[in-house]
C-alpha cells in the first residue's frame, strides 16, 4: 500500500518567506560596529539592512573581536556567531529593520533602517 502523498508546490502566504525562499533574497556580507551599536547586512539585491546590536543581548555583550567572527549560514539565509552561540535569521533581521524604520518614521526621526 502506497501511503505517500504528492505535495504540490504552494506559494507561501508569508511575504518574508516569499522574498527569501521563492525570490532568493540572501545576505552576502555583514558589517558590525560595536561603538556605533550597528549591524549592517548587505543583501544580494544591493540593499542594506541596518539594525542595532543592542536589540540582541548576546551581541550587545560581545567584544568587537567576537562580533567580527560571524559566518553566513544556509547560503545567506542566516548569520551565525558560533563562539557566542547566536544565530540570526534573515527573516528576523528584515522584520527588525522594518519595525525600526517604521518607528523612526512615526517619531519623525531622519534615520531609516533600510538603506538603498
Protein backbone atom coordinates (compact mmCIF):
# COMPACT_ATOMS: atom_id res chain seq x y z
CA UNK A 1 0.00 0.00 0.00
CA UNK A 2 1.46 3.35 -1.04
CA UNK A 3 0.77 5.96 1.66
CA UNK A 4 2.94 8.70 0.24
CA UNK A 5 1.13 11.79 -0.92
CA UNK A 6 2.18 14.06 -3.69
CA UNK A 7 2.96 17.52 -2.31
CA UNK A 8 2.04 20.40 -4.55
CA UNK A 9 4.28 23.43 -4.71
CA UNK A 10 2.33 26.06 -2.83
CA UNK A 11 3.14 29.70 -2.59
CA UNK A 12 3.89 30.79 0.96
CA UNK A 13 1.36 33.18 2.46
CA UNK A 14 4.23 34.90 4.35
CA UNK A 15 5.72 37.78 2.30
CA UNK A 16 9.07 37.43 4.07
CA UNK A 17 9.29 33.73 3.21
CA UNK A 18 8.41 34.55 -0.41
CA UNK A 19 11.26 37.09 -0.59
CA UNK A 20 13.78 34.66 0.86
CA UNK A 21 12.73 31.23 -0.38
CA UNK A 22 10.92 31.98 -3.63
CA UNK A 23 12.78 35.07 -4.86
CA UNK A 24 16.19 34.10 -3.46
CA UNK A 25 16.94 37.10 -1.24
CA UNK A 26 20.18 36.43 0.64
CA UNK A 27 22.68 38.14 2.92
CA UNK A 28 26.06 38.45 1.23
CA UNK A 29 28.11 40.47 3.74
CA UNK A 30 27.91 41.66 7.32
CA UNK A 31 29.48 44.75 8.90
CA UNK A 32 29.48 45.07 12.68
CA UNK A 33 30.46 48.17 14.66
CA UNK A 34 30.10 47.84 18.42
CA UNK A 35 30.89 51.50 19.14
CA UNK A 36 28.08 52.61 16.83
CA UNK A 37 25.74 49.84 18.09
CA UNK A 38 25.25 48.84 14.46
CA UNK A 39 24.89 45.70 12.41
CA UNK A 40 24.68 46.16 8.65
CA UNK A 41 23.55 43.26 6.48
CA UNK A 42 24.26 43.64 2.78
CA UNK A 43 21.84 41.76 0.54
CA UNK A 44 22.24 40.25 -2.91
CA UNK A 45 19.83 42.85 -4.33
CA UNK A 46 22.20 45.70 -3.35
CA UNK A 47 20.07 46.74 -0.37
CA UNK A 48 21.44 47.20 3.13
CA UNK A 49 19.59 46.41 6.35
CA UNK A 50 20.63 48.26 9.49
CA UNK A 51 19.78 47.06 12.99
CA UNK A 52 21.06 47.79 16.48
CA UNK A 53 23.35 45.30 18.19
CA UNK A 54 21.66 46.21 21.44
CA UNK A 55 18.48 44.55 20.14
CA UNK A 56 20.28 41.22 20.74
CA UNK A 57 21.61 40.58 24.26
CA UNK A 58 24.46 38.24 23.28
CA UNK A 59 25.67 40.58 20.54
CA UNK A 60 25.39 43.58 22.84
CA UNK A 61 27.67 41.92 25.42
CA UNK A 62 30.23 40.63 22.89
CA UNK A 63 33.57 42.22 22.10
CA UNK A 64 34.25 43.71 18.67
CA UNK A 65 36.64 40.83 18.02
CA UNK A 66 33.91 38.28 18.79
CA UNK A 67 31.40 40.18 16.66
CA UNK A 68 33.79 40.08 13.71
CA UNK A 69 33.79 36.26 13.77
CA UNK A 70 30.45 35.75 12.04
CA UNK A 71 29.64 33.45 9.15
CA UNK A 72 26.74 33.19 6.76
CA UNK A 73 24.70 30.03 7.14
CA UNK A 74 22.27 28.28 4.81
CA UNK A 75 23.60 30.15 1.80
CA UNK A 76 22.91 33.58 3.32
CA UNK A 77 19.57 32.83 4.97
CA UNK A 78 21.14 33.40 8.39
CA UNK A 79 24.18 34.67 10.26
CA UNK A 80 25.98 32.68 12.93
CA UNK A 81 28.34 33.65 15.73
CA UNK A 82 29.30 30.16 16.91
CA UNK A 83 31.54 31.45 19.70
CA UNK A 84 28.59 33.43 21.09
CA UNK A 85 26.03 30.69 20.43
CA UNK A 86 23.94 33.23 18.48
CA UNK A 87 22.19 32.81 15.13
CA UNK A 88 20.06 35.43 13.39
CA UNK A 89 17.73 34.60 10.54
CA UNK A 90 17.44 36.89 7.55
CA UNK A 91 13.69 36.87 8.09
CA UNK A 92 14.10 38.12 11.65
CA UNK A 93 16.61 40.77 10.58
CA UNK A 94 14.24 42.05 7.88
CA UNK A 95 11.38 42.24 10.39
CA UNK A 96 13.52 44.05 12.97
CA UNK A 97 14.79 46.53 10.37
CA UNK A 98 11.26 47.16 9.09
CA UNK A 99 9.87 47.72 12.58
CA UNK A 100 12.74 50.08 13.46
CA UNK A 101 12.24 52.03 10.22
CA UNK A 102 8.51 52.36 10.84
CA UNK A 103 9.01 53.51 14.42
CA UNK A 104 11.67 56.04 13.42
CA UNK A 105 9.44 57.36 10.67
CA UNK A 106 6.49 57.72 13.05
CA UNK A 107 8.71 59.50 15.57
CA UNK A 108 9.87 61.91 12.86
CA UNK A 109 13.49 60.81 13.02
CA UNK A 110 15.54 61.08 9.84
CA UNK A 111 17.37 57.78 10.15
CA UNK A 112 15.92 54.69 8.48
CA UNK A 113 16.82 51.04 8.82
CA UNK A 114 16.59 50.37 5.08
CA UNK A 115 19.33 51.99 3.04
CA UNK A 116 19.03 52.00 -0.74
